Amino acid sequence: MRRCALHFVAFRGDEYTRAVRVFGTPDFIHFGWDRWAQAEVMPGDTAVFARGTFEDEPSTYGFPDLREAADGSR
């Protein structure tokens, strides 16, 4: 059974620290909202946006992603 993931999207500065305090450390960091980020957010996952929403049209440009693993288990 898959564990639900936490995604942070389009965070650039201090808002990241505040989001971590509220939601915890993300499993994935998406620098921008593109088709790949949209495809990685599965049903049951939580996506936290610094700007925009899940319903926004994804960028035609690709952005790099990071996969966070604070405890090394993911």
PDB file of N, CA and C in Angstrom:
ATOM      1  N   MET A   1       0.842  -1.182   0.000  1.00  0.00           N
ATOM      2  CA  MET A   1       0.000   0.000   0.000  1.00  0.00           C
ATOM      3  C   MET A   1       0.887   1.245   0.000  1.00  0.00           C
ATOM      4  N   ARG A   2       0.570   2.188  -0.835  1.00  0.00           N
ATOM      5  CA  ARG A   2       1.360   3.399  -0.986  1.00  0.00           C
ATOM      6  C   ARG A   2       1.036   4.409   0.103  1.00  0.00           C
ATOM      7  N   ARG A   3       2.076   5.014   0.647  1.00  0.00           N
ATOM      8  CA  ARG A   3       1.917   6.077   1.638  1.00  0.00           C
ATOM      9  C   ARG A   3       1.665   7.391   0.912  1.00  0.00           C
ATOM     10  N   CYS A   4       0.742   8.183   1.410  1.00  0.00           N
ATOM     11  CA  CYS A   4       0.446   9.485   0.809  1.00  0.00           C
ATOM     12  C   CYS A   4       1.659  10.391   0.944  1.00  0.00           C
ATOM     13  N   ALA A   5       1.900  11.207  -0.076  1.00  0.00           N
ATOM     14  CA  ALA A   5       3.074  12.077  -0.111  1.00  0.00           C
ATOM     15  C   ALA A   5       2.665  13.540   0.049  1.00  0.00           C
ATOM     16  N   LEU A   6       3.624  14.332   0.501  1.00  0.00           N
ATOM     17  CA  LEU A   6       3.447  15.767   0.645  1.00  0.00           C
ATOM     18  C   LEU A   6       4.314  16.455  -0.399  1.00  0.00           C
ATOM     19  N   HIS A   7       3.686  17.264  -1.252  1.00  0.00           N
ATOM     20  CA  HIS A   7       4.374  17.981  -2.332  1.00  0.00           C
ATOM     21  C   HIS A   7       4.333  19.479  -2.053  1.00  0.00           C
ATOM     22  N   PHE A   8       5.477  20.142  -2.190  1.00  0.00           N
ATOM     23  CA  PHE A   8       5.534  21.605  -2.146  1.00  0.00           C
ATOM     24  C   PHE A   8       5.784  22.078  -3.570  1.00  0.00           C
ATOM     25  N   VAL A   9       5.008  23.071  -4.002  1.00  0.00           N
ATOM     26  CA  VAL A   9       5.098  23.556  -5.384  1.00  0.00           C
ATOM     27  C   VAL A   9       5.368  25.052  -5.394  1.00  0.00           C
ATOM     28  N   ALA A  10       6.386  25.465  -6.148  1.00  0.00           N
ATOM     29  CA  ALA A  10       6.711  26.863  -6.448  1.00  0.00           C
ATOM     30  C   ALA A  10       7.151  27.673  -5.227  1.00  0.00           C
ATOM     31  N   PHE A  11       7.821  27.028  -4.290  1.00  0.00           N
ATOM     32  CA  PHE A  11       8.349  27.753  -3.133  1.00  0.00           C
ATOM     33  C   PHE A  11       9.712  28.333  -3.489  1.00  0.00           C
ATOM     34  N   ARG A  12       9.947  29.582  -3.106  1.00  0.00           N
ATOM     35  CA  ARG A  12      11.185  30.264  -3.460  1.00  0.00           C
ATOM     36  C   ARG A  12      11.937  30.860  -2.273  1.00  0.00           C
ATOM     37  N   GLY A  13      11.275  31.110  -1.162  1.00  0.00           N
ATOM     38  CA  GLY A  13      11.952  31.819  -0.083  1.00  0.00           C
ATOM     39  C   GLY A  13      11.429  31.449   1.281  1.00  0.00           C
ATOM     40  N   ASP A  14      11.171  32.461   2.083  1.00  0.00           N
ATOM     41  CA  ASP A  14      10.756  32.271   3.468  1.00  0.00           C
ATOM     42  C   ASP A  14       9.449  31.498   3.608  1.00  0.00           C
ATOM     43  N   GLU A  15       8.624  31.515   2.584  1.00  0.00           N
ATOM     44  CA  GLU A  15       7.358  30.782   2.690  1.00  0.00           C
ATOM     45  C   GLU A  15       7.600  29.278   2.871  1.00  0.00           C
ATOM     46  N   TYR A  16       8.735  28.779   2.395  1.00  0.00           N
ATOM     47  CA  TYR A  16       9.066  27.360   2.563  1.00  0.00           C
ATOM     48  C   TYR A  16       9.168  27.012   4.049  1.00  0.00           C
ATOM     49  N   THR A  17       9.894  27.820   4.798  1.00  0.00           N
ATOM     50  CA  THR A  17      10.073  27.581   6.227  1.00  0.00           C
ATOM     51  C   THR A  17       8.740  27.598   6.957  1.00  0.00           C
ATOM     52  N   ARG A  18       7.896  28.543   6.612  1.00  0.00           N
ATOM     53  CA  ARG A  18       6.578  28.618   7.244  1.00  0.00           C
ATOM     54  C   ARG A  18       5.730  27.403   6.880  1.00  0.00           C
ATOM     55  N   ALA A  19       5.801  26.956   5.640  1.00  0.00           N
ATOM     56  CA  ALA A  19       5.028  25.785   5.220  1.00  0.00           C
ATOM     57  C   ALA A  19       5.505  24.524   5.940  1.00  0.00           C
ATOM     58  N   VAL A  20       6.802  24.389   6.144  1.00  0.00           N
ATOM     59  CA  VAL A  20       7.324  23.225   6.870  1.00  0.00           C
ATOM     60  C   VAL A  20       6.801  23.224   8.300  1.00  0.00           C
ATOM     61  N   ARG A  21       6.718  24.385   8.919  1.00  0.00           N
ATOM     62  CA  ARG A  21       6.180  24.464  10.287  1.00  0.00           C
ATOM     63  C   ARG A  21       4.731  23.988  10.340  1.00  0.00           C
ATOM     64  N   VAL A  22       3.964  24.295   9.304  1.00  0.00           N
ATOM     65  CA  VAL A  22       2.543  23.943   9.286  1.00  0.00           C
ATOM     66  C   VAL A  22       2.315  22.504   8.819  1.00  0.00           C
ATOM     67  N   PHE A  23       2.968  22.106   7.724  1.00  0.00           N
ATOM     68  CA  PHE A  23       2.674  20.820   7.086  1.00  0.00           C
ATOM     69  C   PHE A  23       3.712  19.735   7.348  1.00  0.00           C
ATOM     70  N   GLY A  24       4.917  20.115   7.761  1.00  0.00           N
ATOM     71  CA  GLY A  24       6.003  19.155   7.919  1.00  0.00           C
ATOM     72  C   GLY A  24       6.909  19.168   6.706  1.00  0.00           C
ATOM     73  N   THR A  25       7.946  18.358   6.751  1.00  0.00           N
ATOM     74  CA  THR A  25       8.919  18.289   5.659  1.00  0.00           C
ATOM     75  C   THR A  25       8.290  17.614   4.440  1.00  0.00           C
ATOM     76  N   PRO A  26       8.437  18.227   3.265  1.00  0.00           N
ATOM     77  CA  PRO A  26       7.816  17.642   2.070  1.00  0.00           C
ATOM     78  C   PRO A  26       8.559  16.406   1.585  1.00  0.00           C
ATOM     79  N   ASP A  27       7.824  15.535   0.916  1.00  0.00           N
ATOM     80  CA  ASP A  27       8.431  14.384   0.252  1.00  0.00           C
ATOM     81  C   ASP A  27       9.000  14.790  -1.100  1.00  0.00           C
ATOM     82  N   PHE A  28       8.324  15.743  -1.741  1.00  0.00           N
ATOM     83  CA  PHE A  28       8.742  16.219  -3.056  1.00  0.00           C
ATOM     84  C   PHE A  28       8.695  17.739  -3.076  1.00  0.00           C
ATOM     85  N   ILE A  29       9.680  18.334  -3.732  1.00  0.00           N
ATOM     86  CA  ILE A  29       9.694  19.779  -3.953  1.00  0.00           C
ATOM     87  C   ILE A  29       9.699  19.989  -5.460  1.00  0.00           C
ATOM     88  N   HIS A  30       8.680  20.657  -5.945  1.00  0.00           N
ATOM     89  CA  HIS A  30       8.562  20.967  -7.367  1.00  0.00           C
ATOM     90  C   HIS A  30       8.796  22.465  -7.513  1.00  0.00           C
ATOM     91  N   PHE A  31       9.858  22.836  -8.216  1.00  0.00           N
ATOM     92  CA  PHE A  31      10.200  24.253  -8.347  1.00  0.00           C
ATOM     93  C   PHE A  31       9.167  25.029  -9.138  1.00  0.00           C
ATOM     94  N   GLY A  32       8.417  24.333  -9.964  1.00  0.00           N
ATOM     95  CA  GLY A  32       7.353  24.964 -10.734  1.00  0.00           C
ATOM     96  C   GLY A  32       6.260  23.958 -11.025  1.00  0.00           C
ATOM     97  N   TRP A  33       5.114  24.451 -11.435  1.00  0.00           N
ATOM     98  CA  TRP A  33       3.956  23.604 -11.747  1.00  0.00           C
ATOM     99  C   TRP A  33       4.011  23.264 -13.226  1.00  0.00           C
ATOM    100  N   ASP A  34       4.521  22.067 -13.528  1.00  0.00           N
ATOM    101  CA  ASP A  34       4.607  21.605 -14.908  1.00  0.00           C
ATOM    102  C   ASP A  34       3.867  20.279 -15.039  1.00  0.00           C
ATOM    103  N   ARG A  35       3.867  19.704 -16.236  1.00  0.00           N
ATOM    104  CA  ARG A  35       3.134  18.447 -16.462  1.00  0.00           C
ATOM    105  C   ARG A  35       3.648  17.309 -15.594  1.00  0.00           C
ATOM    106  N   TRP A  36       4.958  17.286 -15.341  1.00  0.00           N
ATOM    107  CA  TRP A  36       5.532  16.206 -14.548  1.00  0.00           C
ATOM    108  C   TRP A  36       5.133  16.335 -13.090  1.00  0.00           C
ATOM    109  N   ALA A  37       5.138  17.545 -12.573  1.00  0.00           N
ATOM    110  CA  ALA A  37       4.695  17.749 -11.186  1.00  0.00           C
ATOM    111  C   ALA A  37       3.231  17.344 -11.051  1.00  0.00           C
ATOM    112  N   GLN A  38       2.423  17.750 -12.001  1.00  0.00           N
ATOM    113  CA  GLN A  38       0.996  17.420 -11.971  1.00  0.00           C
ATOM    114  C   GLN A  38       0.797  15.903 -11.999  1.00  0.00           C
ATOM    115  N   ALA A  39       1.591  15.203 -12.802  1.00  0.00           N
ATOM    116  CA  ALA A  39       1.462  13.746 -12.919  1.00  0.00           C
ATOM    117  C   ALA A  39       1.936  13.021 -11.658  1.00  0.00           C
ATOM    118  N   GLU A  40       2.847  13.634 -10.892  1.00  0.00           N
ATOM    119  CA  GLU A  40       3.376  12.984  -9.694  1.00  0.00           C
ATOM    120  C   GLU A  40       2.445  13.084  -8.487  1.00  0.00           C
ATOM    121  N   VAL A  41       1.522  14.029  -8.495  1.00  0.00           N
ATOM    122  CA  VAL A  41       0.585  14.171  -7.381  1.00  0.00           C
ATOM    123  C   VAL A  41      -0.531  13.143  -7.581  1.00  0.00           C
ATOM    124  N   MET A  42      -0.513  12.127  -6.735  1.00  0.00           N
ATOM    125  CA  MET A  42      -1.461  11.023  -6.828  1.00  0.00           C
ATOM    126  C   MET A  42      -2.670  11.261  -5.926  1.00  0.00           C
ATOM    127  N   PRO A  43      -3.775  10.570  -6.182  1.00  0.00           N
ATOM    128  CA  PRO A  43      -4.931  10.677  -5.284  1.00  0.00           C
ATOM    129  C   PRO A  43      -4.519  10.366  -3.838  1.00  0.00           C
ATOM    130  N   GLY A  44      -4.967  11.208  -2.927  1.00  0.00           N
ATOM    131  CA  GLY A  44      -4.617  11.053  -1.519  1.00  0.00           C
ATOM    132  C   GLY A  44      -3.417  11.879  -1.091  1.00  0.00           C
ATOM    133  N   ASP A  45      -2.588  12.318  -2.048  1.00  0.00           N
ATOM    134  CA  ASP A  45      -1.444  13.168  -1.736  1.00  0.00           C
ATOM    135  C   ASP A  45      -1.914  14.572  -1.383  1.00  0.00           C
ATOM    136  N   THR A  46      -1.040  15.318  -0.726  1.00  0.00           N
ATOM    137  CA  THR A  46      -1.300  16.724  -0.422  1.00  0.00           C
ATOM    138  C   THR A  46      -0.308  17.569  -1.194  1.00  0.00           C
ATOM    139  N   ALA A  47      -0.811  18.527  -1.958  1.00  0.00           N
ATOM    140  CA  ALA A  47       0.039  19.465  -2.694  1.00  0.00           C
ATOM    141  C   ALA A  47      -0.173  20.853  -2.109  1.00  0.00           C
ATOM    142  N   VAL A  48       0.917  21.463  -1.635  1.00  0.00           N
ATOM    143  CA  VAL A  48       0.879  22.795  -1.043  1.00  0.00           C
ATOM    144  C   VAL A  48       1.554  23.745  -2.020  1.00  0.00           C
ATOM    145  N   PHE A  49       0.814  24.770  -2.430  1.00  0.00           N
ATOM    146  CA  PHE A  49       1.308  25.717  -3.418  1.00  0.00           C
ATOM    147  C   PHE A  49       1.688  27.037  -2.767  1.00  0.00           C
ATOM    148  N   ALA A  50       2.880  27.545  -3.099  1.00  0.00           N
ATOM    149  CA  ALA A  50       3.268  28.889  -2.662  1.00  0.00           C
ATOM    150  C   ALA A  50       2.497  29.913  -3.489  1.00  0.00           C
ATOM    151  N   ARG A  51       2.284  29.594  -4.751  1.00  0.00           N
ATOM    152  CA  ARG A  51       1.514  30.429  -5.677  1.00  0.00           C
ATOM    153  C   ARG A  51       0.695  29.507  -6.566  1.00  0.00           C
ATOM    154  N   GLY A  52      -0.522  29.887  -6.831  1.00  0.00           N
ATOM    155  CA  GLY A  52      -1.362  29.119  -7.740  1.00  0.00           C
ATOM    156  C   GLY A  52      -2.109  27.993  -7.050  1.00  0.00           C
ATOM    157  N   THR A  53      -2.752  27.148  -7.889  1.00  0.00           N
ATOM    158  CA  THR A  53      -3.535  26.021  -7.391  1.00  0.00           C
ATOM    159  C   THR A  53      -3.335  24.818  -8.298  1.00  0.00           C
ATOM    160  N   PHE A  54      -3.828  23.680  -7.856  1.00  0.00           N
ATOM    161  CA  PHE A  54      -3.746  22.449  -8.636  1.00  0.00           C
ATOM    162  C   PHE A  54      -4.462  22.590  -9.978  1.00  0.00           C
ATOM    163  N   GLU A  55      -5.513  23.391 -10.015  1.00  0.00           N
ATOM    164  CA  GLU A  55      -6.303  23.547 -11.236  1.00  0.00           C
ATOM    165  C   GLU A  55      -5.638  24.458 -12.278  1.00  0.00           C
ATOM    166  N   ASP A  56      -4.574  25.165 -11.899  1.00  0.00           N
ATOM    167  CA  ASP A  56      -3.885  26.030 -12.857  1.00  0.00           C
ATOM    168  C   ASP A  56      -3.294  25.200 -13.994  1.00  0.00           C
ATOM    169  N   GLU A  57      -3.256  25.795 -15.157  1.00  0.00           N
ATOM    170  CA  GLU A  57      -2.641  25.144 -16.319  1.00  0.00           C
ATOM    171  C   GLU A  57      -1.143  24.957 -16.051  1.00  0.00           C
ATOM    172  N   PRO A  58      -0.609  23.741 -16.211  1.00  0.00           N
ATOM    173  CA  PRO A  58       0.821  23.530 -15.992  1.00  0.00           C
ATOM    174  C   PRO A  58       1.657  24.303 -17.024  1.00  0.00           C
ATOM    175  N   SER A  59       2.838  24.682 -16.630  1.00  0.00           N
ATOM    176  CA  SER A  59       3.757  25.384 -17.521  1.00  0.00           C
ATOM    177  C   SER A  59       4.150  24.476 -18.679  1.00  0.00           C
ATOM    178  N   THR A  60       4.387  25.076 -19.824  1.00  0.00           N
ATOM    179  CA  THR A  60       4.887  24.300 -20.969  1.00  0.00           C
ATOM    180  C   THR A  60       6.380  24.015 -20.810  1.00  0.00           C
ATOM    181  N   TYR A  61       7.045  24.708 -19.886  1.00  0.00           N
ATOM    182  CA  TYR A  61       8.453  24.490 -19.591  1.00  0.00           C
ATOM    183  C   TYR A  61       8.584  23.514 -18.431  1.00  0.00           C
ATOM    184  N   GLY A  62       9.602  22.676 -18.464  1.00  0.00           N
ATOM    185  CA  GLY A  62       9.847  21.737 -17.373  1.00  0.00           C
ATOM    186  C   GLY A  62      10.719  22.361 -16.306  1.00  0.00           C
ATOM    187  N   PHE A  63      10.502  21.964 -15.065  1.00  0.00           N
ATOM    188  CA  PHE A  63      11.295  22.417 -13.935  1.00  0.00           C
ATOM    189  C   PHE A  63      11.931  21.203 -13.272  1.00  0.00           C
ATOM    190  N   PRO A  64      13.111  21.359 -12.667  1.00  0.00           N
ATOM    191  CA  PRO A  64      13.683  20.236 -11.914  1.00  0.00           C
ATOM    192  C   PRO A  64      12.882  20.006 -10.634  1.00  0.00           C
ATOM    193  N   ASP A  65      12.910  18.792 -10.122  1.00  0.00           N
ATOM    194  CA  ASP A  65      12.235  18.435  -8.877  1.00  0.00           C
ATOM    195  C   ASP A  65      13.269  17.898  -7.896  1.00  0.00           C
ATOM    196  N   LEU A  66      12.939  17.956  -6.619  1.00  0.00           N
ATOM    197  CA  LEU A  66      13.749  17.346  -5.576  1.00  0.00           C
ATOM    198  C   LEU A  66      12.897  16.341  -4.842  1.00  0.00           C
ATOM    199  N   ARG A  67      13.512  15.267  -4.420  1.00  0.00           N
ATOM    200  CA  ARG A  67      12.818  14.298  -3.573  1.00  0.00           C
ATOM    201  C   ARG A  67      13.490  14.346  -2.214  1.00  0.00           C
ATOM    202  N   GLU A  68      12.746  14.748  -1.206  1.00  0.00           N
ATOM    203  CA  GLU A  68      13.274  14.893   0.140  1.00  0.00           C
ATOM    204  C   GLU A  68      13.110  13.580   0.900  1.00  0.00           C
ATOM    205  N   ALA A  69      14.097  13.254   1.699  1.00  0.00           N
ATOM    206  CA  ALA A  69      14.008  12.064   2.537  1.00  0.00           C
ATOM    207  C   ALA A  69      14.747  12.338   3.835  1.00  0.00           C
ATOM    208  N   ALA A  70      14.108  13.040   4.728  1.00  0.00           N
ATOM    209  CA  ALA A  70      14.746  13.447   5.981  1.00  0.00           C
ATOM    210  C   ALA A  70      15.227  12.252   6.798  1.00  0.00           C
ATOM    211  N   ASP A  71      14.453  11.174   6.801  1.00  0.00           N
ATOM    212  CA  ASP A  71      14.831  10.014   7.609  1.00  0.00           C
ATOM    213  C   ASP A  71      15.434   8.887   6.765  1.00  0.00           C
ATOM    214  N   GLY A  72      15.616   9.116   5.466  1.00  0.00           N
ATOM    215  CA  GLY A  72      16.221   8.125   4.589  1.00  0.00           C
ATOM    216  C   GLY A  72      15.326   6.971   4.205  1.00  0.00           C
ATOM    217  N   SER A  73      14.031   7.036   4.579  1.00  0.00           N
ATOM    218  CA  SER A  73      13.148   5.901   4.329  1.00  0.00           C
ATOM    219  C   SER A  73      12.393   5.990   3.016  1.00  0.00           C
ATOM    220  N   ARG A  74      12.459   7.117   2.326  1.00  0.00           N
ATOM    221  CA  ARG A  74      11.663   7.259   1.103  1.00  0.00           C
ATOM    222  C   ARG A  74      12.524   7.264  -0.107  1.00  0.00           C
TER     223      ARG A  74
END
